[in-house]
Each structure stands twice: as C-alpha cells, then as structure tokens.
Amino acid sequence: MKDITNHDSIADQINQYHNLISFTADNLQDLKARVKSLDNGDYSRELNAINEAQSRLYAALKELDND
C-alpha cells in the first residue's frame, strides 16, 4: 500500500483494489469452470463456496463504485 496523501492518491488506491477484486473474481470464475469439468465426484459444496465468494467480491466492487 502506498502513501495516501491526497484525494488523487486515495482514488488511485481504490482503483487498484477494484482491479484486484475484479481479477480475483475472474480467477474464481476460471476455477469454477475447472471444477465443473471434473467427473470424479460431487463438488457442489465447493461450487457453492466459490459462488458465495464471487458474490461477496461483486458486492465489494459495487461498494467501491458507490464511493
């Protein structure tokens, strides 16, 4: 985390977190696709956990966009 000294630096930090959260949500989408491609078991619990994590990340993005 870099120094926060003014409005621009705060906006920059928020943008960086927005990008990180978006990247993480995208990675979870990729993970979900890989899990769905497995044919050797029931992964519904894991898929539900991934869906919940994605939901929370998207909620965080929405909050960042509202500020």
N, C-alpha and C. Protein backbone atom coordinates (compact mmCIF):
# COMPACT_ATOMS: atom_id res chain seq x y z
N MET A 1 0.85 -1.17 0.00
CA MET A 1 0.00 0.00 0.00
C MET A 1 0.90 1.23 0.00
N LYS A 2 0.63 2.11 -0.92
CA LYS A 2 1.46 3.30 -0.98
C LYS A 2 0.89 4.40 -0.09
N ASP A 3 1.66 5.44 0.08
CA ASP A 3 1.23 6.55 0.93
C ASP A 3 -0.01 7.21 0.37
N ILE A 4 -0.91 7.53 1.28
CA ILE A 4 -2.12 8.24 0.91
C ILE A 4 -1.94 9.68 1.38
N THR A 5 -1.80 10.59 0.41
CA THR A 5 -1.51 11.97 0.77
C THR A 5 -2.56 12.97 0.31
N ASN A 6 -3.43 12.54 -0.62
CA ASN A 6 -4.45 13.46 -1.12
C ASN A 6 -5.58 12.69 -1.79
N HIS A 7 -6.54 13.42 -2.32
CA HIS A 7 -7.70 12.79 -2.95
C HIS A 7 -7.30 11.89 -4.11
N ASP A 8 -6.36 12.33 -4.91
CA ASP A 8 -5.93 11.53 -6.06
C ASP A 8 -5.30 10.21 -5.63
N SER A 9 -4.51 10.25 -4.58
CA SER A 9 -3.86 9.01 -4.14
C SER A 9 -4.89 8.05 -3.55
N ILE A 10 -5.92 8.58 -2.90
CA ILE A 10 -6.99 7.72 -2.38
C ILE A 10 -7.74 7.10 -3.55
N ALA A 11 -8.08 7.89 -4.54
CA ALA A 11 -8.78 7.38 -5.72
C ALA A 11 -7.94 6.32 -6.42
N ASP A 12 -6.64 6.53 -6.49
CA ASP A 12 -5.75 5.55 -7.10
C ASP A 12 -5.75 4.24 -6.33
N GLN A 13 -5.70 4.32 -5.00
CA GLN A 13 -5.73 3.12 -4.17
C GLN A 13 -7.04 2.37 -4.36
N ILE A 14 -8.16 3.09 -4.38
CA ILE A 14 -9.45 2.45 -4.59
C ILE A 14 -9.49 1.76 -5.94
N ASN A 15 -8.95 2.41 -6.96
CA ASN A 15 -8.90 1.81 -8.29
C ASN A 15 -8.05 0.54 -8.30
N GLN A 16 -6.94 0.56 -7.59
CA GLN A 16 -6.09 -0.62 -7.51
C GLN A 16 -6.81 -1.77 -6.82
N TYR A 17 -7.54 -1.47 -5.74
CA TYR A 17 -8.31 -2.52 -5.07
C TYR A 17 -9.43 -3.02 -5.97
N HIS A 18 -10.06 -2.13 -6.69
CA HIS A 18 -11.11 -2.52 -7.64
C HIS A 18 -10.55 -3.51 -8.66
N ASN A 19 -9.39 -3.20 -9.20
CA ASN A 19 -8.75 -4.09 -10.17
C ASN A 19 -8.39 -5.43 -9.56
N LEU A 20 -7.87 -5.43 -8.34
CA LEU A 20 -7.50 -6.66 -7.66
C LEU A 20 -8.74 -7.53 -7.40
N ILE A 21 -9.81 -6.91 -6.94
CA ILE A 21 -11.04 -7.66 -6.67
C ILE A 21 -11.60 -8.23 -7.97
N SER A 22 -11.60 -7.45 -9.03
CA SER A 22 -12.08 -7.93 -10.33
C SER A 22 -11.25 -9.10 -10.83
N PHE A 23 -9.94 -9.00 -10.69
CA PHE A 23 -9.04 -10.07 -11.10
C PHE A 23 -9.33 -11.34 -10.31
N THR A 24 -9.53 -11.20 -9.00
CA THR A 24 -9.81 -12.35 -8.14
C THR A 24 -11.14 -12.99 -8.52
N ALA A 25 -12.16 -12.19 -8.76
CA ALA A 25 -13.46 -12.72 -9.17
C ALA A 25 -13.33 -13.48 -10.50
N ASP A 26 -12.55 -12.96 -11.43
CA ASP A 26 -12.32 -13.64 -12.71
C ASP A 26 -11.61 -14.97 -12.50
N ASN A 27 -10.63 -14.98 -11.60
CA ASN A 27 -9.93 -16.23 -11.31
C ASN A 27 -10.87 -17.26 -10.69
N LEU A 28 -11.79 -16.81 -9.84
CA LEU A 28 -12.76 -17.73 -9.27
C LEU A 28 -13.67 -18.30 -10.36
N GLN A 29 -14.00 -17.49 -11.34
CA GLN A 29 -14.82 -17.98 -12.46
C GLN A 29 -14.07 -19.08 -13.21
N ASP A 30 -12.77 -18.88 -13.42
CA ASP A 30 -11.95 -19.91 -14.07
C ASP A 30 -11.90 -21.17 -13.23
N LEU A 31 -11.74 -21.01 -11.92
CA LEU A 31 -11.70 -22.16 -11.01
C LEU A 31 -13.03 -22.92 -11.07
N LYS A 32 -14.12 -22.18 -11.08
CA LYS A 32 -15.44 -22.81 -11.14
C LYS A 32 -15.57 -23.65 -12.41
N ALA A 33 -15.11 -23.14 -13.52
CA ALA A 33 -15.17 -23.89 -14.78
C ALA A 33 -14.34 -25.16 -14.69
N ARG A 34 -13.18 -25.07 -14.07
CA ARG A 34 -12.33 -26.27 -13.92
C ARG A 34 -12.98 -27.30 -13.02
N VAL A 35 -13.58 -26.85 -11.92
CA VAL A 35 -14.25 -27.77 -11.00
C VAL A 35 -15.41 -28.45 -11.71
N LYS A 36 -16.17 -27.68 -12.48
CA LYS A 36 -17.31 -28.25 -13.21
C LYS A 36 -16.87 -29.29 -14.23
N SER A 37 -15.65 -29.19 -14.70
CA SER A 37 -15.17 -30.14 -15.71
C SER A 37 -14.71 -31.45 -15.09
N LEU A 38 -14.58 -31.51 -13.79
CA LEU A 38 -14.18 -32.75 -13.12
C LEU A 38 -15.32 -33.74 -13.17
N ASP A 39 -14.97 -34.99 -13.38
CA ASP A 39 -16.02 -36.01 -13.49
C ASP A 39 -15.89 -37.09 -12.42
N ASN A 40 -15.15 -36.81 -11.38
CA ASN A 40 -14.90 -37.85 -10.40
C ASN A 40 -15.42 -37.50 -9.00
N GLY A 41 -16.60 -36.91 -8.92
CA GLY A 41 -17.16 -36.65 -7.60
C GLY A 41 -18.17 -35.52 -7.62
N ASP A 42 -18.76 -35.32 -6.47
CA ASP A 42 -19.73 -34.25 -6.28
C ASP A 42 -19.01 -33.06 -5.66
N TYR A 43 -18.95 -31.98 -6.40
CA TYR A 43 -18.26 -30.79 -5.95
C TYR A 43 -19.22 -29.63 -5.68
N SER A 44 -20.46 -29.97 -5.36
CA SER A 44 -21.46 -28.92 -5.15
C SER A 44 -21.10 -28.01 -3.98
N ARG A 45 -20.53 -28.56 -2.92
CA ARG A 45 -20.14 -27.74 -1.78
C ARG A 45 -19.07 -26.73 -2.18
N GLU A 46 -18.09 -27.19 -2.94
CA GLU A 46 -17.02 -26.31 -3.39
C GLU A 46 -17.56 -25.25 -4.35
N LEU A 47 -18.44 -25.66 -5.25
CA LEU A 47 -19.02 -24.70 -6.18
C LEU A 47 -19.86 -23.66 -5.45
N ASN A 48 -20.58 -24.08 -4.43
CA ASN A 48 -21.36 -23.13 -3.64
C ASN A 48 -20.44 -22.13 -2.93
N ALA A 49 -19.31 -22.62 -2.43
CA ALA A 49 -18.35 -21.73 -1.76
C ALA A 49 -17.77 -20.72 -2.76
N ILE A 50 -17.46 -21.18 -3.96
CA ILE A 50 -16.94 -20.28 -4.99
C ILE A 50 -17.99 -19.24 -5.35
N ASN A 51 -19.23 -19.68 -5.52
CA ASN A 51 -20.30 -18.74 -5.84
C ASN A 51 -20.48 -17.70 -4.75
N GLU A 52 -20.41 -18.12 -3.49
CA GLU A 52 -20.56 -17.18 -2.38
C GLU A 52 -19.40 -16.18 -2.37
N ALA A 53 -18.19 -16.67 -2.60
CA ALA A 53 -17.03 -15.78 -2.63
C ALA A 53 -17.17 -14.76 -3.76
N GLN A 54 -17.60 -15.23 -4.92
CA GLN A 54 -17.80 -14.31 -6.04
C GLN A 54 -18.86 -13.27 -5.71
N SER A 55 -19.92 -13.70 -5.11
CA SER A 55 -21.00 -12.78 -4.75
C SER A 55 -20.49 -11.68 -3.81
N ARG A 56 -19.69 -12.08 -2.86
CA ARG A 56 -19.14 -11.10 -1.91
C ARG A 56 -18.15 -10.15 -2.59
N LEU A 57 -17.38 -10.68 -3.52
CA LEU A 57 -16.45 -9.82 -4.25
C LEU A 57 -17.20 -8.81 -5.11
N TYR A 58 -18.25 -9.26 -5.77
CA TYR A 58 -19.03 -8.34 -6.60
C TYR A 58 -19.73 -7.29 -5.73
N ALA A 59 -20.15 -7.68 -4.53
CA ALA A 59 -20.74 -6.71 -3.60
C ALA A 59 -19.70 -5.67 -3.19
N ALA A 60 -18.47 -6.12 -2.96
CA ALA A 60 -17.39 -5.18 -2.62
C ALA A 60 -17.12 -4.22 -3.77
N LEU A 61 -17.12 -4.74 -4.99
CA LEU A 61 -16.92 -3.87 -6.15
C LEU A 61 -18.01 -2.82 -6.24
N LYS A 62 -19.24 -3.24 -5.99
CA LYS A 62 -20.36 -2.31 -6.04
C LYS A 62 -20.18 -1.20 -4.99
N GLU A 63 -19.73 -1.57 -3.81
CA GLU A 63 -19.49 -0.58 -2.76
C GLU A 63 -18.38 0.39 -3.15
N LEU A 64 -17.32 -0.13 -3.74
CA LEU A 64 -16.22 0.74 -4.18
C LEU A 64 -16.70 1.71 -5.26
N ASP A 65 -17.57 1.21 -6.13
CA ASP A 65 -18.09 2.07 -7.20
C ASP A 65 -19.02 3.14 -6.66
N ASN A 66 -19.68 2.87 -5.54
CA ASN A 66 -20.61 3.84 -4.95
C ASN A 66 -19.90 4.98 -4.22
N ASP A 67 -18.65 4.77 -3.86
CA ASP A 67 -17.93 5.81 -3.10
C ASP A 67 -17.31 6.84 -3.97
